Amino acid sequence: MRFRSIIYASVLLAASPALAETTYIHAGSVIIDAVGSASGPATIVVTDGKIVSIENGHAEPAGDAGVVNLADKTILPGLIDLHTHLSGDPSGEFWRAATNPPEWYTLVAAKNARITALAGFTTVRDLGSRTDQVTQSLRRATATGVLPGPRIVTSARTIAIVGGHGDTNGFRREVNEALGTSFACTGPVECSEKVRQASKYGADLIKITATGGVLSQQGRGLEAHFSDAEMKAIVDTANSLGLKVAAHAHGARGIEAAARAGVHTIEHGTYIDEKAGRVMRENGTILVPTLMAFQGIKQNLGNGFYTPVVEDKIRAVGPFAESIVQRAREYGVKIAFGTDAGVFPHGQNAGEFEQMRLGGMSNREALASATTVAAEVIGLENEIGRLAPGYSADIIAVDGNPLTDVTVLEDVDWVMVRGRVVE
């Protein structure tokens, strides 16, 4: 990641409050959204963290307004990653869950929030934190400017079946019980209660592990974990509270069952087939393919990084991971951008764009998946995902034109989140 020197008329601090005074951003060109095209030279006027106007040419600042000179850059909306785990870094050492205190994960999350923002991702959906209240606290810290980082939408903890992916496995019984999540459930009533608890403690959405998972010590396969009645109870309860449900799901029948129950997004979708795709399409379920996660875990095979049970699962999903997007497109499933950052190093999120292109998406489609489409997924389409008056000043600058080569987003030069420049 390179950050070139930028000329400022005033000092902008990474964790300062949103700019109270008006700032003029002089751009070489502006991409308002993925539907349009790059303009010529333009000026974006920002006041109190909001975009006030976008004007042709480099307008002279009024009064005491500051100027940010990005006259050789392309300016576009900040990117959105719909699947991150800010409180985690890649590790095969599952036993560290028994040694790391909660405070450690808070510090890791703060570090990764800044790294993620610097990579151009100004909003993230965090789907499962390591301890209670980590991402809820980080959400507040980045919103108020206490820490630099993206806007955070979080599920907080993950709801899982007892002993399944998302619950604690791999330790002695008494250690499992000591470390086990309070969000594992059995039966529709208990699972409904967990949704209400998640809402009580500040979740913006609900995350469930609808099937087995790859990186947990649970080795019971990758098909459906919850019963149909349990998943329906989760979705209905979430909807009654105004919350959407994201479902981690690998196996085709688990994907199908989750989509039929009414989940909003399927995360991963490894074994999606025509039947599962049809149910997703009919129910308006969106796929978040997390292709970078598969790339990340593949690189750690065969060197003792993972336990044998995890390596077996990685090798099983590998042949299917490369074609997730291609299959989903064939079945008419809508695709949104998400990476599973934390499974691979934070800050490399934009590598997902190239993986999406390899699956058949155009540069424009890939960019839309991380801007307008992702904004719709989290219900913030009138606030983020494009550049327009009244929208949040979530803005990034790059060399080149991502509409013709989306991989230029792997090298972001300048970032503003909510009107704050991230240094």
Protein backbone atom coordinates (compact mmCIF):
# COMPACT_ATOMS: atom_id res chain seq x y z
CA MET A 1 0.00 0.00 0.00
CA ARG A 2 1.52 3.35 -0.94
CA PHE A 3 0.37 6.71 0.28
CA ARG A 4 1.73 9.63 -1.69
CA SER A 5 2.07 13.08 -0.26
CA ILE A 6 -1.09 15.12 -0.55
CA ILE A 7 -1.25 18.92 -0.28
CA TYR A 8 -3.54 20.16 2.49
CA ALA A 9 -4.58 23.70 3.29
CA SER A 10 -5.29 22.58 6.83
CA VAL A 11 -4.07 19.76 9.06
CA LEU A 12 -6.37 16.71 8.97
CA LEU A 13 -5.99 14.24 11.80
CA ALA A 14 -6.84 10.55 11.41
CA ALA A 15 -9.03 10.33 14.48
CA SER A 16 -10.27 13.91 14.62
CA PRO A 17 -13.99 14.75 14.72
CA ALA A 18 -15.73 15.05 11.35
CA LEU A 19 -14.55 18.20 9.61
CA ALA A 20 -16.53 21.13 10.93
CA GLU A 21 -15.34 23.44 8.18
CA THR A 22 -15.95 23.03 4.50
CA THR A 23 -13.32 21.19 2.48
CA TYR A 24 -12.89 21.31 -1.29
CA ILE A 25 -11.49 18.14 -2.89
CA HIS A 26 -9.95 18.80 -6.30
CA ALA A 27 -10.15 15.57 -8.32
CA GLY A 28 -8.62 14.58 -11.64
CA SER A 29 -11.85 12.70 -12.36
CA VAL A 30 -14.85 11.50 -10.40
CA ILE A 31 -16.82 8.24 -10.64
CA ILE A 32 -20.16 8.95 -8.99
CA ASP A 33 -21.25 5.31 -9.12
CA ALA A 34 -20.59 2.11 -11.02
CA VAL A 35 -23.34 2.86 -13.55
CA GLY A 36 -21.81 6.09 -14.80
CA SER A 37 -18.43 6.97 -16.23
CA ALA A 38 -15.40 8.91 -15.06
CA SER A 39 -15.78 12.68 -15.37
CA GLY A 40 -13.13 15.25 -16.16
CA PRO A 41 -11.60 17.45 -13.45
CA ALA A 42 -14.10 18.12 -10.67
CA THR A 43 -14.52 19.50 -7.17
CA ILE A 44 -16.27 17.69 -4.32
CA VAL A 45 -17.37 19.98 -1.52
CA VAL A 46 -17.65 18.38 1.93
CA THR A 47 -19.12 19.97 5.06
CA ASP A 48 -19.64 18.29 8.45
CA GLY A 49 -18.94 14.84 7.04
CA LYS A 50 -21.45 15.12 4.19
CA ILE A 51 -21.06 15.77 0.48
CA VAL A 52 -22.56 19.17 -0.33
CA SER A 53 -21.92 19.34 -4.05
CA ILE A 54 -19.95 17.89 -6.97
CA GLU A 55 -18.95 20.54 -9.52
CA ASN A 56 -17.14 20.45 -12.83
CA GLY A 57 -13.64 21.87 -12.79
CA HIS A 58 -11.51 22.91 -9.84
CA ALA A 59 -13.59 25.47 -7.98
CA GLU A 60 -11.94 28.14 -5.87
CA PRO A 61 -12.64 27.56 -2.17
CA ALA A 62 -15.00 29.97 -0.46
CA GLY A 63 -14.00 31.69 2.76
CA ASP A 64 -11.77 29.63 5.04
CA ALA A 65 -12.47 26.30 3.33
CA GLY A 66 -9.54 23.91 3.03
CA VAL A 67 -8.40 22.25 -0.17
CA VAL A 68 -7.26 18.68 -0.76
CA ASN A 69 -5.32 18.38 -4.00
CA LEU A 70 -6.06 15.08 -5.75
CA ALA A 71 -5.88 16.54 -9.24
CA ASP A 72 -4.01 13.52 -10.60
CA LYS A 73 -6.35 10.94 -9.03
CA THR A 74 -9.65 9.25 -9.75
CA ILE A 75 -12.14 9.79 -6.94
CA LEU A 76 -14.91 7.29 -6.24
CA PRO A 77 -17.17 6.09 -3.42
CA GLY A 78 -15.59 4.25 -0.51
CA LEU A 79 -15.79 0.47 -0.81
CA ILE A 80 -17.97 -1.86 1.27
CA ASP A 81 -16.94 -5.32 2.49
CA LEU A 82 -19.95 -7.33 3.64
CA HIS A 83 -18.02 -10.09 5.41
CA THR A 84 -15.16 -9.32 7.77
CA HIS A 85 -13.91 -10.41 11.19
CA LEU A 86 -12.02 -7.41 12.50
CA SER A 87 -11.15 -9.01 15.85
CA GLY A 88 -9.29 -11.90 14.22
CA ASP A 89 -6.09 -12.46 12.27
CA PRO A 90 -5.20 -15.62 10.32
CA SER A 91 -4.17 -18.44 12.63
CA GLY A 92 -4.33 -22.19 12.74
CA GLU A 93 -3.65 -22.16 16.48
CA PHE A 94 -7.21 -22.75 17.66
CA TRP A 95 -5.94 -23.36 21.19
CA ARG A 96 -5.14 -19.66 21.58
CA ALA A 97 -8.81 -19.15 22.37
CA ALA A 98 -7.97 -20.62 25.76
CA THR A 99 -5.06 -18.23 26.42
CA ASN A 100 -5.96 -14.84 24.91
CA PRO A 101 -7.92 -12.44 27.14
CA PRO A 102 -10.85 -10.46 25.69
CA GLU A 103 -8.77 -7.27 25.79
CA TRP A 104 -6.38 -8.74 23.22
CA TYR A 105 -9.13 -9.12 20.64
CA THR A 106 -10.20 -5.51 21.20
CA LEU A 107 -6.69 -4.31 20.38
CA VAL A 108 -6.50 -6.55 17.32
CA ALA A 109 -9.86 -5.21 16.13
CA ALA A 110 -8.71 -1.60 16.50
CA LYS A 111 -5.56 -2.35 14.49
CA ASN A 112 -7.53 -4.05 11.74
CA ALA A 113 -10.12 -1.29 11.55
CA ARG A 114 -7.46 1.21 10.54
CA ILE A 115 -5.81 -1.20 8.10
CA THR A 116 -9.17 -1.91 6.47
CA ALA A 117 -10.01 1.77 6.06
CA LEU A 118 -6.58 2.50 4.56
CA ALA A 119 -7.29 -0.22 1.99
CA GLY A 120 -10.27 1.82 0.79
CA PHE A 121 -13.04 0.01 2.64
CA THR A 122 -15.02 2.72 4.38
CA THR A 123 -17.86 0.44 5.52
CA VAL A 124 -17.75 -3.18 6.66
CA ARG A 125 -20.22 -5.74 7.88
CA ASP A 126 -18.51 -7.65 10.68
CA LEU A 127 -19.97 -11.15 10.98
CA GLY A 128 -18.80 -12.70 14.22
CA SER A 129 -16.44 -11.29 16.83
CA ARG A 130 -14.21 -13.24 19.19
CA THR A 131 -15.67 -11.86 22.44
CA ASP A 132 -18.75 -9.96 23.61
CA GLN A 133 -18.97 -6.23 22.87
CA VAL A 134 -15.75 -6.00 20.83
CA THR A 135 -17.30 -4.85 17.56
CA GLN A 136 -20.13 -2.95 19.25
CA SER A 137 -17.49 -0.86 21.04
CA LEU A 138 -15.39 -0.51 17.89
CA ARG A 139 -18.50 0.55 15.96
CA ARG A 140 -18.94 3.41 18.43
CA ALA A 141 -15.24 4.33 18.42
CA THR A 142 -15.01 4.68 14.63
CA ALA A 143 -18.35 6.50 14.44
CA THR A 144 -17.29 9.12 16.97
CA GLY A 145 -13.72 9.51 15.75
CA VAL A 146 -12.06 7.99 18.81
CA LEU A 147 -10.31 5.56 16.45
CA PRO A 148 -9.73 5.66 12.69
CA GLY A 149 -11.64 2.99 10.82
CA PRO A 150 -14.64 2.17 8.67
CA ARG A 151 -18.32 2.44 9.43
CA ILE A 152 -19.19 -0.87 11.10
CA VAL A 153 -22.38 -2.89 10.81
CA THR A 154 -22.08 -5.90 13.08
CA SER A 155 -23.79 -9.14 14.00
CA ALA A 156 -21.57 -9.25 17.13
CA ARG A 157 -21.60 -12.95 18.09
CA THR A 158 -22.71 -15.83 15.84
CA ILE A 159 -25.69 -18.08 16.55
CA ALA A 160 -24.79 -21.75 16.10
CA ILE A 161 -26.04 -25.19 16.98
CA VAL A 162 -24.51 -26.75 20.10
CA GLY A 163 -21.14 -28.19 19.09
CA GLY A 164 -21.37 -26.85 15.54
CA HIS A 165 -19.39 -24.35 13.53
CA GLY A 166 -19.45 -21.17 15.60
CA ASP A 167 -19.54 -22.99 18.93
CA THR A 168 -16.33 -24.07 20.66
CA ASN A 169 -14.79 -27.41 19.66
CA GLY A 170 -11.45 -29.13 20.04
CA PHE A 171 -10.76 -28.78 23.76
CA ARG A 172 -11.42 -30.97 26.80
CA ARG A 173 -15.03 -30.93 27.91
CA GLU A 174 -14.52 -28.49 30.79
CA VAL A 175 -12.53 -26.11 28.56
CA ASN A 176 -15.15 -26.27 25.80
CA GLU A 177 -17.78 -25.38 28.38
CA ALA A 178 -15.74 -22.51 29.78
CA LEU A 179 -15.05 -21.04 26.35
CA GLY A 180 -18.36 -21.93 24.72
CA THR A 181 -20.52 -19.21 23.26
CA SER A 182 -23.75 -18.29 25.00
CA PHE A 183 -25.28 -18.07 21.53
CA ALA A 184 -25.54 -21.80 20.76
CA CYS A 185 -29.09 -23.14 20.77
CA THR A 186 -31.30 -26.17 20.28
CA GLY A 187 -34.94 -25.95 19.20
CA PRO A 188 -37.02 -23.07 17.77
CA VAL A 189 -37.82 -21.46 21.12
CA GLU A 190 -34.24 -21.37 22.35
CA CYS A 191 -32.98 -20.16 18.97
CA SER A 192 -35.55 -17.35 18.98
CA GLU A 193 -34.30 -16.35 22.42
CA LYS A 194 -30.73 -16.10 21.12
CA VAL A 195 -31.89 -13.69 18.41
CA ARG A 196 -33.54 -11.51 21.04
CA GLN A 197 -30.38 -11.59 23.14
CA ALA A 198 -28.27 -10.55 20.15
CA SER A 199 -30.63 -7.66 19.55
CA LYS A 200 -30.52 -6.73 23.23
CA TYR A 201 -26.74 -6.47 23.17
CA GLY A 202 -26.52 -4.29 20.10
CA ALA A 203 -26.40 -6.49 16.99
CA ASP A 204 -27.28 -4.72 13.73
CA LEU A 205 -28.13 -8.05 12.09
CA ILE A 206 -28.11 -11.75 12.93
CA LYS A 207 -25.42 -14.17 11.75
CA ILE A 208 -25.99 -17.92 11.87
CA THR A 209 -23.87 -20.87 10.85
CA ALA A 210 -26.48 -22.67 8.77
CA THR A 211 -24.02 -25.44 7.84
CA GLY A 212 -20.74 -26.83 9.03
CA GLY A 213 -17.64 -24.74 8.46
CA VAL A 214 -14.12 -25.22 7.19
CA LEU A 215 -11.85 -23.70 9.84
CA SER A 216 -13.46 -24.96 13.04
CA GLN A 217 -12.45 -28.18 14.77
CA GLN A 218 -15.97 -29.50 14.16
CA GLY A 219 -15.59 -32.28 11.62
CA ARG A 220 -19.18 -33.34 10.93
CA GLY A 221 -19.37 -32.23 7.32
CA LEU A 222 -20.53 -29.06 5.60
CA GLU A 223 -24.26 -29.64 5.21
CA ALA A 224 -27.20 -28.18 7.16
CA HIS A 225 -26.83 -27.80 10.92
CA PHE A 226 -30.06 -26.12 12.03
CA SER A 227 -33.40 -27.78 11.48
CA ASP A 228 -35.88 -26.04 9.17
CA ALA A 229 -37.98 -25.09 12.19
CA GLU A 230 -34.98 -23.59 13.99
CA MET A 231 -33.92 -21.51 11.00
CA LYS A 232 -37.46 -20.30 10.37
CA ALA A 233 -37.77 -19.28 14.03
CA ILE A 234 -34.50 -17.35 13.79
CA VAL A 235 -35.53 -15.49 10.64
CA ASP A 236 -39.06 -14.74 11.85
CA THR A 237 -37.80 -13.45 15.20
CA ALA A 238 -35.13 -11.34 13.52
CA ASN A 239 -37.67 -9.87 11.11
CA SER A 240 -39.98 -9.00 14.00
CA LEU A 241 -37.13 -6.94 15.45
CA GLY A 242 -36.28 -5.28 12.14
CA LEU A 243 -33.12 -7.34 11.67
CA LYS A 244 -31.88 -9.27 8.64
CA VAL A 245 -30.11 -12.63 8.79
CA ALA A 246 -26.79 -13.59 7.19
CA ALA A 247 -26.20 -17.33 6.93
CA HIS A 248 -22.79 -18.95 6.68
CA ALA A 249 -23.56 -21.88 4.35
CA HIS A 250 -21.41 -24.26 2.29
CA GLY A 251 -23.46 -27.34 1.42
CA ALA A 252 -26.08 -27.05 -1.32
CA ARG A 253 -28.99 -28.38 0.75
CA GLY A 254 -27.99 -26.15 3.64
CA ILE A 255 -27.93 -23.17 1.28
CA GLU A 256 -31.34 -24.15 -0.04
CA ALA A 257 -32.81 -24.57 3.45
CA ALA A 258 -31.46 -21.23 4.64
CA ALA A 259 -32.78 -19.41 1.57
CA ARG A 260 -36.18 -21.05 1.95
CA ALA A 261 -36.30 -19.94 5.59
CA GLY A 262 -35.85 -16.34 4.42
CA VAL A 263 -32.26 -15.43 5.23
CA HIS A 264 -31.10 -12.26 3.51
CA THR A 265 -27.60 -13.32 2.46
CA ILE A 266 -25.74 -16.57 1.98
CA GLU A 267 -22.08 -16.31 2.96
CA HIS A 268 -19.62 -18.48 0.98
CA GLY A 269 -22.09 -20.65 -1.00
CA THR A 270 -19.38 -23.17 -1.89
CA TYR A 271 -21.53 -26.03 -3.16
CA ILE A 272 -24.35 -23.94 -4.66
CA ASP A 273 -26.19 -25.96 -7.29
CA GLU A 274 -29.12 -25.25 -9.60
CA LYS A 275 -31.77 -26.21 -7.04
CA ALA A 276 -30.23 -24.07 -4.30
CA GLY A 277 -29.71 -21.23 -6.78
CA ARG A 278 -33.35 -21.36 -7.84
CA VAL A 279 -34.57 -21.06 -4.25
CA MET A 280 -32.17 -18.15 -3.66
CA ARG A 281 -33.36 -16.39 -6.81
CA GLU A 282 -37.03 -16.90 -5.98
CA ASN A 283 -36.56 -15.59 -2.45
CA GLY A 284 -34.30 -12.68 -3.38
CA THR A 285 -31.42 -14.16 -1.36
CA ILE A 286 -28.05 -12.56 -2.12
CA LEU A 287 -24.75 -14.41 -2.34
CA VAL A 288 -21.60 -13.06 -0.66
CA PRO A 289 -18.97 -15.46 -2.06
CA THR A 290 -15.86 -14.57 0.04
CA LEU A 291 -13.45 -15.80 -2.62
CA MET A 292 -10.38 -14.32 -0.93
CA ALA A 293 -10.96 -16.59 2.06
CA PHE A 294 -10.46 -19.65 -0.12
CA GLN A 295 -7.31 -18.13 -1.61
CA GLY A 296 -5.97 -17.39 1.87
CA ILE A 297 -6.53 -20.80 3.42
CA LYS A 298 -5.20 -22.59 0.35
CA GLN A 299 -1.82 -20.91 0.80
CA ASN A 300 -1.43 -22.40 4.28
CA LEU A 301 -2.01 -26.03 3.33
CA GLY A 302 0.59 -28.70 4.02
CA ASN A 303 2.84 -26.75 6.40
CA GLY A 304 1.30 -27.56 9.76
CA PHE A 305 -0.67 -24.32 9.94
CA TYR A 306 -4.01 -26.14 10.36
CA THR A 307 -5.00 -29.29 12.23
CA PRO A 308 -5.63 -32.45 10.16
CA VAL A 309 -9.43 -32.15 10.51
CA VAL A 310 -9.31 -28.62 9.08
CA GLU A 311 -6.89 -29.57 6.29
CA ASP A 312 -9.26 -32.33 5.18
CA LYS A 313 -12.10 -29.83 4.87
CA ILE A 314 -9.96 -27.29 3.00
CA ARG A 315 -8.98 -29.93 0.45
CA ALA A 316 -12.62 -30.93 0.05
CA VAL A 317 -13.90 -27.42 -0.74
CA GLY A 318 -10.93 -26.36 -2.89
CA PRO A 319 -12.15 -27.71 -6.26
CA PHE A 320 -15.54 -26.04 -5.81
CA ALA A 321 -14.39 -22.63 -4.56
CA GLU A 322 -13.03 -21.50 -7.91
CA SER A 323 -16.43 -21.68 -9.65
CA ILE A 324 -18.82 -20.23 -7.04
CA VAL A 325 -19.42 -16.96 -8.88
CA GLN A 326 -19.70 -18.64 -12.26
CA ARG A 327 -22.36 -21.06 -10.99
CA ALA A 328 -24.28 -18.35 -9.13
CA ARG A 329 -24.41 -16.22 -12.27
CA GLU A 330 -25.69 -19.15 -14.28
CA TYR A 331 -28.54 -19.57 -11.77
CA GLY A 332 -29.42 -15.87 -11.77
CA VAL A 333 -28.36 -15.23 -8.17
CA LYS A 334 -27.49 -11.66 -7.17
CA ILE A 335 -23.91 -11.27 -5.92
CA ALA A 336 -22.52 -8.76 -3.43
CA PHE A 337 -18.96 -8.13 -2.28
CA GLY A 338 -17.54 -9.77 0.84
CA THR A 339 -14.17 -11.33 1.62
CA ASP A 340 -14.05 -13.03 5.06
CA ALA A 341 -11.04 -10.86 5.95
CA GLY A 342 -9.48 -12.26 9.09
CA VAL A 343 -9.22 -15.67 7.46
CA PHE A 344 -6.59 -13.96 5.29
CA PRO A 345 -4.74 -10.74 6.26
CA HIS A 346 -6.82 -7.59 6.65
CA GLY A 347 -6.00 -4.91 4.10
CA GLN A 348 -5.92 -7.35 1.19
CA ASN A 349 -9.71 -7.15 0.78
CA ALA A 350 -9.56 -5.68 -2.74
CA GLY A 351 -8.01 -8.90 -4.04
CA GLU A 352 -11.62 -10.13 -4.19
CA PHE A 353 -12.22 -8.01 -7.31
CA GLU A 354 -9.85 -10.06 -9.46
CA GLN A 355 -11.42 -13.29 -8.18
CA MET A 356 -14.85 -11.96 -9.16
CA ARG A 357 -13.57 -11.13 -12.64
CA LEU A 358 -12.23 -14.66 -12.98
CA GLY A 359 -15.79 -15.83 -12.21
CA GLY A 360 -17.13 -13.86 -15.16
CA MET A 361 -18.07 -10.51 -13.62
CA SER A 362 -17.17 -7.35 -15.51
CA ASN A 363 -15.13 -4.54 -13.96
CA ARG A 364 -18.32 -2.51 -13.63
CA GLU A 365 -20.27 -5.37 -12.03
CA ALA A 366 -17.47 -6.04 -9.55
CA LEU A 367 -17.28 -2.37 -8.55
CA ALA A 368 -21.06 -2.18 -8.15
CA SER A 369 -20.99 -5.27 -5.93
CA ALA A 370 -18.80 -3.36 -3.44
CA THR A 371 -20.65 -0.05 -3.67
CA THR A 372 -24.29 0.32 -4.71
CA VAL A 373 -25.22 -3.35 -4.35
CA ALA A 374 -23.49 -3.73 -0.97
CA ALA A 375 -25.08 -0.51 0.27
CA GLU A 376 -28.53 -1.93 -0.56
CA VAL A 377 -27.72 -5.14 1.32
CA ILE A 378 -27.16 -3.22 4.55
CA GLY A 379 -30.01 -0.77 3.94
CA LEU A 380 -27.77 2.28 3.58
CA GLU A 381 -28.27 2.93 -0.13
CA ASN A 382 -29.38 6.50 0.60
CA GLU A 383 -26.21 7.24 2.57
CA ILE A 384 -23.25 5.37 1.08
CA GLY A 385 -22.21 3.47 -2.07
CA ARG A 386 -22.20 6.46 -4.40
CA LEU A 387 -21.13 10.11 -4.41
CA ALA A 388 -24.01 12.58 -4.27
CA PRO A 389 -25.11 15.62 -2.28
CA GLY A 390 -26.39 14.56 1.12
CA TYR A 391 -24.42 11.30 1.13
CA SER A 392 -21.74 10.53 3.68
CA ALA A 393 -18.29 11.75 2.64
CA ASP A 394 -16.90 8.22 2.27
CA ILE A 395 -14.43 8.82 -0.54
CA ILE A 396 -11.30 7.16 -1.91
CA ALA A 397 -8.69 8.11 -4.49
CA VAL A 398 -6.74 5.86 -6.85
CA ASP A 399 -4.61 5.98 -9.97
CA GLY A 400 -6.36 4.73 -13.10
CA ASN A 401 -9.99 3.91 -13.80
CA PRO A 402 -11.59 0.98 -11.93
CA LEU A 403 -14.40 0.86 -14.50
CA THR A 404 -11.87 -0.41 -17.02
CA ASP A 405 -9.56 -2.22 -14.58
CA VAL A 406 -11.05 -2.86 -11.17
CA THR A 407 -7.76 -4.20 -9.83
CA VAL A 408 -6.45 -0.61 -9.48
CA LEU A 409 -8.47 -0.68 -6.23
CA GLU A 410 -5.78 -2.90 -4.74
CA ASP A 411 -3.67 0.24 -4.36
CA VAL A 412 -5.64 3.07 -2.73
CA ASP A 413 -3.84 6.40 -2.25
CA TRP A 414 -6.22 8.44 -0.08
CA VAL A 415 -9.22 7.68 2.10
CA MET A 416 -11.93 9.76 3.79
CA VAL A 417 -14.52 8.17 6.07
CA ARG A 418 -17.44 10.30 7.27
CA GLY A 419 -15.47 13.40 6.34
CA ARG A 420 -12.36 12.31 8.28
CA VAL A 421 -9.13 11.68 6.40
CA VAL A 422 -7.53 8.40 7.48
CA GLU A 423 -3.76 8.74 7.79
